[in-house]
């Protein structure tokens, strides 16, 4: 390769900092490669941004338990079909336990599916489906009633117990006796959920 020491060779250009001349064709090839690499990098960046935006706009479903009386959140988590919620309480008249079972459907709706009780009042739901599962304990399954929401008043002395997917969920760290509790499934984008959490923490 000719040195860049003052003489200029036709069809070549100086290679900066090396003291040599490079053929023009080679310089063109180098520039094309750099241009292609730049376009590739830009394309990857654009695809990444599109993926991030699409992920942020993609809807998700949240199981929300709210203390309506105090406008506070007891629990809010992402939910999927098959997730379940048990609400266990003591009937205020007979002072006997009742357990209501709710399941999230394929359409992300709350379905009241069964109840287990000792309090005799619950038998009016579907008496033909009653099944005695233990002495003094009755189960009614296959109710399959769509619920737009589930509401109840938090007990004063006999506390309600909540179990989401078999895990006990505290209620009275937020609510107190007499508060109206509302359970819903809400559809929101991931971006909206993230912004809500950011501003809520602030």
N, C-alpha and C. Protein backbone atom coordinates (compact mmCIF):
# COMPACT_ATOMS: atom_id res chain seq x y z
N UNK A 1 0.86 -1.19 0.00
CA UNK A 1 0.00 0.00 0.00
C UNK A 1 0.89 1.24 0.00
N UNK A 2 0.62 2.23 -0.89
CA UNK A 2 1.47 3.43 -0.97
C UNK A 2 1.33 4.29 0.27
N UNK A 3 2.46 4.85 0.72
CA UNK A 3 2.44 5.69 1.90
C UNK A 3 1.95 7.07 1.55
N UNK A 4 1.38 7.73 2.56
CA UNK A 4 0.87 9.09 2.39
C UNK A 4 1.97 10.04 2.85
N UNK A 5 3.03 10.20 2.01
CA UNK A 5 4.16 11.06 2.41
C UNK A 5 4.35 12.21 1.43
N UNK A 6 3.24 12.66 0.89
CA UNK A 6 3.31 13.83 0.03
C UNK A 6 2.84 13.54 -1.36
N UNK A 7 3.06 12.33 -1.87
CA UNK A 7 2.62 11.97 -3.21
C UNK A 7 1.18 11.50 -3.15
N UNK A 8 0.38 11.87 -4.14
CA UNK A 8 -1.02 11.46 -4.20
C UNK A 8 -1.19 10.56 -5.40
N UNK A 9 -1.73 9.39 -5.19
CA UNK A 9 -1.93 8.41 -6.25
C UNK A 9 -3.36 8.51 -6.76
N UNK A 10 -3.52 8.53 -8.05
CA UNK A 10 -4.85 8.60 -8.66
C UNK A 10 -5.66 7.39 -8.23
N UNK A 11 -6.95 7.64 -7.95
CA UNK A 11 -7.86 6.54 -7.56
C UNK A 11 -7.71 6.13 -6.13
N UNK A 12 -7.09 6.98 -5.31
CA UNK A 12 -6.94 6.64 -3.89
C UNK A 12 -7.17 7.88 -3.05
N UNK A 13 -7.44 7.64 -1.77
CA UNK A 13 -7.66 8.74 -0.82
C UNK A 13 -6.81 8.48 0.41
N UNK A 14 -6.40 9.53 1.10
CA UNK A 14 -5.57 9.32 2.29
C UNK A 14 -6.37 8.65 3.40
N UNK A 15 -5.72 7.73 4.11
CA UNK A 15 -6.33 7.07 5.27
C UNK A 15 -5.85 7.81 6.51
N UNK A 16 -6.76 8.53 7.12
CA UNK A 16 -6.41 9.45 8.21
C UNK A 16 -5.66 8.74 9.32
N UNK A 17 -4.50 9.33 9.69
CA UNK A 17 -3.76 8.87 10.84
C UNK A 17 -2.89 7.65 10.60
N UNK A 18 -2.91 7.09 9.39
CA UNK A 18 -2.12 5.87 9.14
C UNK A 18 -0.92 6.12 8.28
N UNK A 19 -0.93 7.22 7.54
CA UNK A 19 0.18 7.49 6.64
C UNK A 19 0.08 6.72 5.34
N UNK A 20 -1.05 6.13 5.05
CA UNK A 20 -1.23 5.34 3.84
C UNK A 20 -2.42 5.85 3.05
N UNK A 21 -2.40 5.53 1.76
CA UNK A 21 -3.53 5.81 0.88
C UNK A 21 -4.38 4.55 0.78
N UNK A 22 -5.72 4.74 0.72
CA UNK A 22 -6.63 3.63 0.49
C UNK A 22 -7.31 3.80 -0.86
N UNK A 23 -7.52 2.72 -1.62
CA UNK A 23 -8.24 2.82 -2.89
C UNK A 23 -9.64 3.34 -2.64
N UNK A 24 -10.17 4.12 -3.61
CA UNK A 24 -11.49 4.71 -3.45
C UNK A 24 -12.57 3.64 -3.32
N UNK A 25 -12.43 2.54 -4.04
CA UNK A 25 -13.43 1.47 -3.97
C UNK A 25 -13.50 0.88 -2.56
N UNK A 26 -12.31 0.74 -1.98
CA UNK A 26 -12.28 0.18 -0.63
C UNK A 26 -12.92 1.13 0.36
N UNK A 27 -12.68 2.43 0.21
CA UNK A 27 -13.31 3.42 1.07
C UNK A 27 -14.82 3.38 0.92
N UNK A 28 -15.29 3.21 -0.32
CA UNK A 28 -16.73 3.14 -0.57
C UNK A 28 -17.33 1.93 0.12
N UNK A 29 -16.65 0.79 0.03
CA UNK A 29 -17.15 -0.43 0.68
C UNK A 29 -17.21 -0.25 2.19
N UNK A 30 -16.18 0.37 2.76
CA UNK A 30 -16.15 0.62 4.20
C UNK A 30 -17.31 1.52 4.63
N UNK A 31 -17.55 2.58 3.84
CA UNK A 31 -18.64 3.50 4.17
C UNK A 31 -20.00 2.81 4.08
N UNK A 32 -20.16 1.94 3.06
CA UNK A 32 -21.43 1.21 2.91
C UNK A 32 -21.66 0.30 4.10
N UNK A 33 -20.60 -0.39 4.54
CA UNK A 33 -20.72 -1.27 5.70
C UNK A 33 -21.11 -0.49 6.94
N UNK A 34 -20.47 0.69 7.11
CA UNK A 34 -20.81 1.51 8.28
C UNK A 34 -22.25 1.97 8.21
N UNK A 35 -22.70 2.33 6.99
CA UNK A 35 -24.07 2.79 6.82
C UNK A 35 -25.06 1.68 7.14
N UNK A 36 -24.74 0.46 6.67
CA UNK A 36 -25.63 -0.67 6.95
C UNK A 36 -25.69 -0.99 8.44
N UNK A 37 -24.52 -0.93 9.10
CA UNK A 37 -24.50 -1.18 10.53
C UNK A 37 -25.33 -0.14 11.28
N UNK A 38 -25.22 1.13 10.81
CA UNK A 38 -25.99 2.20 11.43
C UNK A 38 -27.49 1.98 11.27
N UNK A 39 -27.89 1.57 10.05
CA UNK A 39 -29.31 1.30 9.81
C UNK A 39 -29.79 0.12 10.64
N UNK A 40 -28.94 -0.91 10.77
CA UNK A 40 -29.31 -2.07 11.57
C UNK A 40 -29.51 -1.69 13.03
N UNK A 41 -28.57 -0.89 13.54
CA UNK A 41 -28.69 -0.46 14.94
C UNK A 41 -29.94 0.38 15.15
N UNK A 42 -30.23 1.28 14.19
CA UNK A 42 -31.43 2.11 14.27
C UNK A 42 -32.69 1.25 14.22
N UNK A 43 -32.66 0.23 13.36
CA UNK A 43 -33.81 -0.67 13.25
C UNK A 43 -34.05 -1.42 14.54
N UNK A 44 -32.98 -1.89 15.17
CA UNK A 44 -33.11 -2.61 16.44
C UNK A 44 -33.68 -1.68 17.52
N UNK A 45 -33.20 -0.45 17.56
CA UNK A 45 -33.70 0.52 18.54
C UNK A 45 -35.19 0.79 18.32
N UNK A 46 -35.59 0.96 17.04
CA UNK A 46 -36.99 1.22 16.73
C UNK A 46 -37.87 0.05 17.12
N UNK A 47 -37.41 -1.17 16.81
CA UNK A 47 -38.18 -2.36 17.17
C UNK A 47 -38.32 -2.49 18.68
N UNK A 48 -37.26 -2.17 19.40
CA UNK A 48 -37.31 -2.22 20.86
C UNK A 48 -38.32 -1.23 21.42
N UNK A 49 -38.31 -0.01 20.86
CA UNK A 49 -39.26 1.01 21.31
C UNK A 49 -40.70 0.61 21.01
N UNK A 50 -40.91 0.04 19.81
CA UNK A 50 -42.25 -0.42 19.44
C UNK A 50 -42.72 -1.52 20.39
N UNK A 51 -41.81 -2.45 20.73
CA UNK A 51 -42.16 -3.54 21.64
C UNK A 51 -42.51 -3.01 23.03
N UNK A 52 -41.75 -2.01 23.49
CA UNK A 52 -42.01 -1.43 24.81
C UNK A 52 -43.36 -0.72 24.83
N UNK A 53 -43.64 0.06 23.77
CA UNK A 53 -44.92 0.78 23.70
C UNK A 53 -46.08 -0.20 23.61
N UNK A 54 -45.91 -1.24 22.75
CA UNK A 54 -46.98 -2.24 22.59
C UNK A 54 -47.25 -2.96 23.91
N UNK A 55 -46.17 -3.27 24.63
CA UNK A 55 -46.33 -3.93 25.93
C UNK A 55 -47.06 -3.02 26.91
N UNK A 56 -46.77 -1.73 26.86
CA UNK A 56 -47.41 -0.78 27.76
C UNK A 56 -48.89 -0.61 27.46
N UNK A 57 -49.27 -0.73 26.19
CA UNK A 57 -50.66 -0.56 25.80
C UNK A 57 -51.46 -1.85 25.90
N UNK A 58 -50.77 -2.99 26.01
CA UNK A 58 -51.46 -4.27 26.07
C UNK A 58 -52.29 -4.35 27.35
N UNK A 59 -53.56 -4.73 27.23
CA UNK A 59 -54.43 -4.73 28.42
C UNK A 59 -54.08 -5.83 29.41
N UNK A 60 -54.30 -5.55 30.66
CA UNK A 60 -54.18 -6.57 31.71
C UNK A 60 -55.38 -6.44 32.63
N UNK A 61 -55.66 -7.51 33.35
CA UNK A 61 -56.83 -7.53 34.22
C UNK A 61 -56.36 -7.57 35.67
N UNK A 62 -57.00 -6.74 36.48
CA UNK A 62 -56.61 -6.61 37.88
C UNK A 62 -57.77 -6.99 38.79
N UNK A 63 -57.47 -7.86 39.74
CA UNK A 63 -58.43 -8.15 40.81
C UNK A 63 -58.26 -7.06 41.86
N UNK A 64 -59.32 -6.32 42.07
CA UNK A 64 -59.25 -5.16 42.96
C UNK A 64 -60.21 -5.33 44.13
N UNK A 65 -59.68 -5.16 45.34
CA UNK A 65 -60.50 -5.18 46.56
C UNK A 65 -60.37 -3.79 47.18
N UNK A 66 -61.47 -3.06 47.21
CA UNK A 66 -61.45 -1.67 47.65
C UNK A 66 -62.30 -1.47 48.90
N UNK A 67 -61.80 -0.64 49.81
CA UNK A 67 -62.60 -0.16 50.93
C UNK A 67 -63.30 1.10 50.42
N UNK A 68 -64.55 0.94 49.99
CA UNK A 68 -65.28 2.05 49.38
C UNK A 68 -65.52 3.17 50.38
N UNK A 69 -65.77 2.82 51.62
CA UNK A 69 -66.08 3.82 52.64
C UNK A 69 -64.95 4.82 52.84
N UNK A 70 -63.71 4.33 52.73
CA UNK A 70 -62.54 5.20 52.96
C UNK A 70 -61.75 5.47 51.69
N UNK A 71 -62.25 4.95 50.55
CA UNK A 71 -61.57 5.13 49.27
C UNK A 71 -60.10 4.67 49.37
N UNK A 72 -59.93 3.45 49.91
CA UNK A 72 -58.59 2.88 50.04
C UNK A 72 -58.53 1.51 49.37
N UNK A 73 -57.34 1.14 48.95
CA UNK A 73 -57.14 -0.15 48.29
C UNK A 73 -56.69 -1.19 49.30
N UNK A 74 -57.44 -2.27 49.39
CA UNK A 74 -57.04 -3.39 50.24
C UNK A 74 -56.05 -4.27 49.50
N UNK A 75 -56.36 -4.55 48.22
CA UNK A 75 -55.50 -5.41 47.39
C UNK A 75 -55.78 -5.12 45.93
N UNK A 76 -54.72 -5.11 45.13
CA UNK A 76 -54.88 -4.99 43.68
C UNK A 76 -53.75 -5.77 43.02
N UNK A 77 -54.10 -6.87 42.34
CA UNK A 77 -53.10 -7.73 41.71
C UNK A 77 -53.60 -8.15 40.34
N UNK A 78 -52.66 -8.49 39.46
CA UNK A 78 -53.04 -9.01 38.16
C UNK A 78 -53.73 -10.36 38.36
N UNK A 79 -54.71 -10.62 37.52
CA UNK A 79 -55.47 -11.86 37.65
C UNK A 79 -55.62 -12.53 36.28
N UNK A 80 -55.91 -13.81 36.31
CA UNK A 80 -56.06 -14.60 35.09
C UNK A 80 -57.16 -15.62 35.29
N UNK A 81 -57.68 -16.19 34.21
CA UNK A 81 -58.73 -17.21 34.36
C UNK A 81 -58.27 -18.36 35.25
N UNK A 82 -59.17 -18.76 36.14
CA UNK A 82 -58.85 -19.84 37.08
C UNK A 82 -58.48 -19.34 38.46
N UNK A 83 -58.11 -18.08 38.58
CA UNK A 83 -57.84 -17.53 39.92
C UNK A 83 -59.13 -17.57 40.74
N UNK A 84 -58.97 -17.70 42.05
CA UNK A 84 -60.16 -17.83 42.88
C UNK A 84 -60.07 -17.01 44.16
N UNK A 85 -61.22 -16.70 44.69
CA UNK A 85 -61.34 -15.91 45.91
C UNK A 85 -62.36 -16.56 46.84
N UNK A 86 -61.97 -16.76 48.08
CA UNK A 86 -62.89 -17.23 49.13
C UNK A 86 -63.15 -16.07 50.08
N UNK A 87 -64.42 -15.86 50.38
CA UNK A 87 -64.81 -14.90 51.42
C UNK A 87 -65.48 -15.70 52.53
N UNK A 88 -64.85 -15.69 53.70
CA UNK A 88 -65.34 -16.47 54.84
C UNK A 88 -65.81 -15.48 55.91
N UNK A 89 -67.00 -15.72 56.43
CA UNK A 89 -67.55 -14.81 57.44
C UNK A 89 -68.50 -15.57 58.36
N UNK A 90 -68.92 -14.90 59.40
CA UNK A 90 -69.87 -15.47 60.35
C UNK A 90 -71.20 -14.76 60.17
N UNK A 91 -72.24 -15.54 59.91
CA UNK A 91 -73.57 -14.96 59.74
C UNK A 91 -74.00 -14.24 61.01
N UNK A 92 -74.48 -13.01 60.83
CA UNK A 92 -74.77 -12.16 61.99
C UNK A 92 -76.01 -12.59 62.76
N UNK A 93 -76.87 -13.40 62.14
CA UNK A 93 -78.10 -13.83 62.82
C UNK A 93 -77.87 -15.13 63.58
N UNK A 94 -77.45 -16.19 62.83
CA UNK A 94 -77.24 -17.48 63.47
C UNK A 94 -75.86 -17.61 64.12
N UNK A 95 -74.97 -16.65 63.81
CA UNK A 95 -73.59 -16.68 64.31
C UNK A 95 -72.90 -17.99 63.93
N UNK A 96 -73.11 -18.40 62.68
CA UNK A 96 -72.51 -19.61 62.14
C UNK A 96 -71.72 -19.27 60.88
N UNK A 97 -70.66 -20.04 60.59
CA UNK A 97 -69.77 -19.68 59.48
C UNK A 97 -70.35 -19.94 58.09
N UNK A 98 -69.94 -19.09 57.16
CA UNK A 98 -70.31 -19.22 55.74
C UNK A 98 -69.05 -18.95 54.93
N UNK A 99 -68.85 -19.72 53.86
CA UNK A 99 -67.70 -19.52 52.96
C UNK A 99 -68.21 -19.46 51.53
N UNK A 100 -68.03 -18.32 50.88
CA UNK A 100 -68.45 -18.16 49.49
C UNK A 100 -67.22 -18.21 48.58
N UNK A 101 -67.36 -18.94 47.47
CA UNK A 101 -66.24 -19.19 46.57
C UNK A 101 -66.51 -18.53 45.21
N UNK A 102 -65.54 -17.73 44.76
CA UNK A 102 -65.65 -17.02 43.47
C UNK A 102 -64.44 -17.39 42.60
N UNK A 103 -64.69 -17.52 41.30
CA UNK A 103 -63.64 -17.89 40.36
C UNK A 103 -63.62 -16.89 39.20
N UNK A 104 -62.42 -16.60 38.68
CA UNK A 104 -62.29 -15.73 37.51
C UNK A 104 -62.47 -16.58 36.25
N UNK A 105 -63.41 -16.20 35.40
CA UNK A 105 -63.73 -16.98 34.20
C UNK A 105 -62.77 -16.69 33.06
N UNK A 106 -62.96 -17.39 31.95
CA UNK A 106 -62.15 -17.17 30.75
C UNK A 106 -62.33 -15.76 30.20
N UNK A 107 -63.46 -15.16 30.49
CA UNK A 107 -63.73 -13.79 30.04
C UNK A 107 -63.33 -12.76 31.09
N UNK A 108 -62.59 -13.20 32.09
CA UNK A 108 -62.14 -12.34 33.18
C UNK A 108 -63.31 -11.73 33.95
N UNK A 109 -64.33 -12.54 34.16
CA UNK A 109 -65.48 -12.13 34.96
C UNK A 109 -65.48 -12.88 36.28
N UNK A 110 -66.10 -12.27 37.30
CA UNK A 110 -66.22 -12.93 38.60
C UNK A 110 -67.44 -13.86 38.56
N UNK A 111 -67.22 -15.12 38.86
CA UNK A 111 -68.29 -16.10 38.87
C UNK A 111 -68.45 -16.65 40.29
N UNK A 112 -69.64 -16.48 40.84
CA UNK A 112 -69.97 -17.07 42.15
C UNK A 112 -70.27 -18.55 41.90
N UNK A 113 -69.38 -19.42 42.37
CA UNK A 113 -69.47 -20.83 41.97
C UNK A 113 -70.01 -21.76 43.06
N UNK A 114 -69.75 -21.46 44.34
CA UNK A 114 -70.24 -22.35 45.39
C UNK A 114 -70.25 -21.65 46.74
N UNK A 115 -70.99 -22.23 47.66
CA UNK A 115 -71.02 -21.74 49.03
C UNK A 115 -71.03 -22.94 49.97
N UNK A 116 -70.34 -22.80 51.07
CA UNK A 116 -70.31 -23.82 52.12
C UNK A 116 -70.75 -23.13 53.40
N UNK A 117 -71.71 -23.73 54.11
CA UNK A 117 -72.30 -23.01 55.23
C UNK A 117 -72.85 -23.95 56.29
N UNK A 118 -73.04 -23.36 57.44
CA UNK A 118 -73.80 -23.99 58.53
C UNK A 118 -75.05 -23.17 58.82
N UNK A 119 -75.00 -21.88 58.51
CA UNK A 119 -76.16 -21.03 58.70
C UNK A 119 -77.26 -21.44 57.73
N UNK A 120 -78.44 -21.76 58.21
CA UNK A 120 -79.49 -22.31 57.34
C UNK A 120 -80.03 -21.35 56.29
N UNK A 121 -79.78 -20.05 56.45
CA UNK A 121 -80.35 -19.08 55.51
C UNK A 121 -79.83 -19.28 54.09
N UNK A 122 -78.60 -19.80 53.95
CA UNK A 122 -77.97 -19.87 52.63
C UNK A 122 -78.63 -20.89 51.71
N UNK A 123 -79.47 -21.76 52.25
CA UNK A 123 -80.04 -22.83 51.45
C UNK A 123 -81.01 -22.38 50.38
N UNK A 124 -81.43 -21.10 50.40
CA UNK A 124 -82.41 -20.65 49.42
C UNK A 124 -81.82 -20.53 48.02
N UNK A 125 -80.49 -20.55 47.89
CA UNK A 125 -79.87 -20.34 46.58
C UNK A 125 -80.29 -21.40 45.57
N UNK A 126 -79.85 -22.63 45.80
CA UNK A 126 -80.19 -23.76 44.95
C UNK A 126 -80.41 -24.98 45.84
N UNK A 127 -81.55 -25.05 46.52
CA UNK A 127 -81.74 -26.15 47.48
C UNK A 127 -81.63 -27.53 46.83
N UNK A 128 -81.92 -27.61 45.53
CA UNK A 128 -81.83 -28.91 44.86
C UNK A 128 -80.38 -29.39 44.71
N UNK A 129 -79.42 -28.48 44.91
CA UNK A 129 -78.00 -28.84 44.77
C UNK A 129 -77.31 -29.00 46.13
N UNK A 130 -78.06 -28.96 47.18
CA UNK A 130 -77.47 -29.07 48.50
C UNK A 130 -76.79 -30.43 48.69
N UNK A 131 -75.62 -30.38 49.31
CA UNK A 131 -74.86 -31.61 49.60
C UNK A 131 -74.29 -31.49 51.00
N UNK A 132 -74.63 -32.41 51.87
CA UNK A 132 -74.09 -32.41 53.23
C UNK A 132 -72.69 -33.02 53.18
N UNK A 133 -71.69 -32.21 53.53
CA UNK A 133 -70.30 -32.67 53.43
C UNK A 133 -69.70 -32.97 54.80
N UNK A 134 -70.39 -32.59 55.86
CA UNK A 134 -69.94 -32.87 57.23
C UNK A 134 -71.14 -32.62 58.14
N UNK A 135 -71.12 -33.14 59.35
CA UNK A 135 -72.25 -32.92 60.26
C UNK A 135 -72.58 -31.43 60.40
N UNK A 136 -73.78 -31.06 60.02
CA UNK A 136 -74.21 -29.67 60.14
C UNK A 136 -73.61 -28.74 59.11
N UNK A 137 -72.91 -29.27 58.13
CA UNK A 137 -72.24 -28.44 57.12
C UNK A 137 -72.74 -28.81 55.73
N UNK A 138 -73.20 -27.81 54.99
CA UNK A 138 -73.79 -28.03 53.67
C UNK A 138 -73.00 -27.27 52.60
N UNK A 139 -72.92 -27.89 51.44
CA UNK A 139 -72.25 -27.27 50.29
C UNK A 139 -73.21 -27.21 49.11
N UNK A 140 -73.24 -26.06 48.47
CA UNK A 140 -74.01 -25.91 47.23
C UNK A 140 -73.02 -25.51 46.15
N UNK A 141 -72.78 -26.39 45.21
CA UNK A 141 -71.83 -26.13 44.12
C UNK A 141 -72.58 -25.92 42.81
N UNK A 142 -71.85 -25.50 41.79
CA UNK A 142 -72.45 -25.33 40.48
C UNK A 142 -73.41 -24.17 40.38
N UNK A 143 -73.21 -23.15 41.20
CA UNK A 143 -74.09 -21.97 41.15
C UNK A 143 -73.82 -21.18 39.86
N UNK A 144 -72.53 -20.93 39.59
CA UNK A 144 -72.09 -20.31 38.33
C UNK A 144 -72.88 -19.04 37.99
N UNK A 145 -72.90 -18.14 38.92
CA UNK A 145 -73.61 -16.87 38.73
C UNK A 145 -72.60 -15.75 38.45
N UNK A 146 -72.80 -15.05 37.32
CA UNK A 146 -71.93 -13.92 36.99
C UNK A 146 -72.18 -12.78 37.98
N UNK A 147 -71.08 -12.22 38.48
CA UNK A 147 -71.16 -11.10 39.41
C UNK A 147 -70.38 -9.92 38.84
N UNK A 148 -71.07 -8.81 38.60
CA UNK A 148 -70.36 -7.62 38.13
C UNK A 148 -69.38 -7.13 39.20
N UNK A 149 -69.79 -7.27 40.44
CA UNK A 149 -68.91 -6.99 41.57
C UNK A 149 -69.43 -7.78 42.77
N UNK A 150 -68.62 -7.84 43.80
CA UNK A 150 -69.00 -8.50 45.06
C UNK A 150 -68.84 -7.46 46.16
N UNK A 151 -69.90 -7.21 46.90
CA UNK A 151 -69.83 -6.22 47.97
C UNK A 151 -70.30 -6.83 49.28
N UNK A 152 -69.71 -6.33 50.35
CA UNK A 152 -70.13 -6.74 51.69
C UNK A 152 -69.63 -5.70 52.70
N UNK A 153 -70.24 -5.71 53.87
CA UNK A 153 -69.81 -4.82 54.94
C UNK A 153 -68.88 -5.58 55.87
N UNK A 154 -67.74 -5.02 56.12
CA UNK A 154 -66.77 -5.66 57.00
C UNK A 154 -67.37 -5.84 58.39
N UNK A 155 -67.20 -7.05 58.95
CA UNK A 155 -67.79 -7.34 60.25
C UNK A 155 -67.11 -6.57 61.38
N UNK A 156 -67.83 -6.34 62.42
CA UNK A 156 -67.29 -5.65 63.59
C UNK A 156 -66.54 -6.64 64.49
N UNK A 157 -67.28 -7.55 65.08
CA UNK A 157 -66.68 -8.53 65.99
C UNK A 157 -66.22 -9.78 65.25
N UNK A 158 -67.09 -10.30 64.40
CA UNK A 158 -66.74 -11.48 63.59
C UNK A 158 -66.12 -11.00 62.29
N UNK A 159 -64.82 -11.08 62.21
CA UNK A 159 -64.08 -10.52 61.08
C UNK A 159 -64.23 -11.39 59.83
N UNK A 160 -64.29 -10.74 58.67
CA UNK A 160 -64.26 -11.45 57.40
C UNK A 160 -62.84 -11.93 57.12
N UNK A 161 -62.75 -13.07 56.49
CA UNK A 161 -61.45 -13.60 56.06
C UNK A 161 -61.47 -13.70 54.53
N UNK A 162 -60.40 -13.24 53.90
CA UNK A 162 -60.27 -13.30 52.44
C UNK A 162 -59.09 -14.19 52.08
N UNK A 163 -59.30 -15.06 51.09
CA UNK A 163 -58.23 -15.93 50.59
C UNK A 163 -58.19 -15.83 49.07
N UNK A 164 -57.09 -15.32 48.55
CA UNK A 164 -56.91 -15.20 47.10
C UNK A 164 -55.94 -16.30 46.66
N UNK A 165 -56.43 -17.21 45.83
CA UNK A 165 -55.64 -18.36 45.39
C UNK A 165 -55.04 -19.13 46.57
N UNK A 166 -55.86 -19.27 47.61
CA UNK A 166 -55.45 -20.05 48.77
C UNK A 166 -54.58 -19.30 49.76
N UNK A 167 -54.26 -18.05 49.46
CA UNK A 167 -53.40 -17.26 50.34
C UNK A 167 -54.23 -16.25 51.12
N UNK A 168 -54.08 -16.25 52.43
CA UNK A 168 -54.82 -15.31 53.26
C UNK A 168 -54.45 -13.88 52.89
N UNK A 169 -55.48 -13.06 52.71
CA UNK A 169 -55.29 -11.66 52.34
C UNK A 169 -55.81 -10.77 53.46
N UNK A 170 -54.95 -9.99 54.11
CA UNK A 170 -55.40 -9.12 55.21
C UNK A 170 -56.43 -8.11 54.72
N UNK A 171 -57.41 -7.86 55.55
CA UNK A 171 -58.45 -6.88 55.23
C UNK A 171 -58.46 -5.73 56.22
N UNK A 172 -58.27 -6.05 57.49
CA UNK A 172 -58.48 -5.05 58.53
C UNK A 172 -57.25 -4.19 58.80
N UNK A 173 -56.20 -4.36 58.02
CA UNK A 173 -55.10 -3.40 58.10
C UNK A 173 -55.50 -2.10 57.39
N UNK A 174 -56.54 -2.19 56.57
CA UNK A 174 -57.07 -1.02 55.86
C UNK A 174 -58.48 -0.70 56.33
N UNK A 175 -59.33 -1.72 56.38
CA UNK A 175 -60.74 -1.51 56.70
C UNK A 175 -61.00 -1.65 58.19
N UNK A 176 -62.17 -1.19 58.59
CA UNK A 176 -62.65 -1.38 59.97
C UNK A 176 -64.10 -1.84 59.90
N UNK A 177 -64.61 -2.29 61.01
CA UNK A 177 -65.97 -2.79 61.05
C UNK A 177 -66.98 -1.79 60.51
N UNK A 178 -67.85 -2.26 59.62
CA UNK A 178 -68.88 -1.39 59.05
C UNK A 178 -68.52 -0.80 57.71
N UNK A 179 -67.25 -0.89 57.29
CA UNK A 179 -66.84 -0.35 55.99
C UNK A 179 -67.40 -1.20 54.86
N UNK A 180 -67.76 -0.54 53.76
CA UNK A 180 -68.25 -1.23 52.58
C UNK A 180 -67.05 -1.68 51.74
N UNK A 181 -66.98 -2.98 51.47
CA UNK A 181 -65.89 -3.56 50.70
C UNK A 181 -66.43 -3.98 49.33
N UNK A 182 -65.68 -3.68 48.29
CA UNK A 182 -66.12 -3.99 46.93
C UNK A 182 -65.00 -4.73 46.18
N UNK A 183 -65.37 -5.85 45.58
CA UNK A 183 -64.42 -6.67 44.81
C UNK A 183 -64.80 -6.60 43.33
N UNK A 184 -63.84 -6.25 42.47
CA UNK A 184 -64.10 -6.15 41.03
C UNK A 184 -62.90 -6.67 40.25
N UNK A 185 -63.12 -6.93 38.97
CA UNK A 185 -62.03 -7.18 38.04
C UNK A 185 -62.03 -6.04 37.03
N UNK A 186 -60.91 -5.33 36.94
CA UNK A 186 -60.81 -4.15 36.09
C UNK A 186 -59.80 -4.36 34.97
N UNK A 187 -60.12 -3.85 33.81
CA UNK A 187 -59.24 -3.94 32.64
C UNK A 187 -58.51 -2.62 32.46
N UNK A 188 -57.18 -2.69 32.43
CA UNK A 188 -56.37 -1.50 32.24
C UNK A 188 -55.11 -1.85 31.46
N UNK A 189 -54.51 -0.85 30.84
CA UNK A 189 -53.24 -1.07 30.17
C UNK A 189 -52.12 -1.13 31.19
N UNK A 190 -51.05 -1.80 30.83
CA UNK A 190 -49.89 -1.89 31.74
C UNK A 190 -49.32 -0.51 32.03
N UNK A 191 -49.33 0.36 31.00
CA UNK A 191 -48.79 1.70 31.18
C UNK A 191 -49.61 2.48 32.20
N UNK A 192 -50.94 2.39 32.09
CA UNK A 192 -51.81 3.08 33.04
C UNK A 192 -51.58 2.59 34.46
N UNK A 193 -51.44 1.26 34.61
CA UNK A 193 -51.19 0.69 35.93
C UNK A 193 -49.88 1.20 36.50
N UNK A 194 -48.83 1.25 35.66
CA UNK A 194 -47.53 1.73 36.12
C UNK A 194 -47.60 3.19 36.55
N UNK A 195 -48.27 4.03 35.75
CA UNK A 195 -48.39 5.45 36.09
C UNK A 195 -49.19 5.64 37.38
N UNK A 196 -50.25 4.85 37.55
CA UNK A 196 -51.03 4.94 38.79
C UNK A 196 -50.19 4.62 40.00
N UNK A 197 -49.36 3.60 39.89
CA UNK A 197 -48.52 3.22 41.03
C UNK A 197 -47.49 4.28 41.31
N UNK A 198 -46.91 4.87 40.26
CA UNK A 198 -45.89 5.90 40.45
C UNK A 198 -46.49 7.11 41.17
N UNK A 199 -47.63 7.60 40.67
CA UNK A 199 -48.25 8.79 41.25
C UNK A 199 -48.84 8.48 42.63
N UNK A 200 -49.29 7.24 42.83
CA UNK A 200 -49.84 6.88 44.13
C UNK A 200 -48.74 6.88 45.20
N UNK A 201 -47.55 6.39 44.80
CA UNK A 201 -46.43 6.38 45.75
C UNK A 201 -45.96 7.78 46.08
N UNK A 202 -46.10 8.71 45.12
CA UNK A 202 -45.67 10.08 45.37
C UNK A 202 -46.67 10.80 46.28
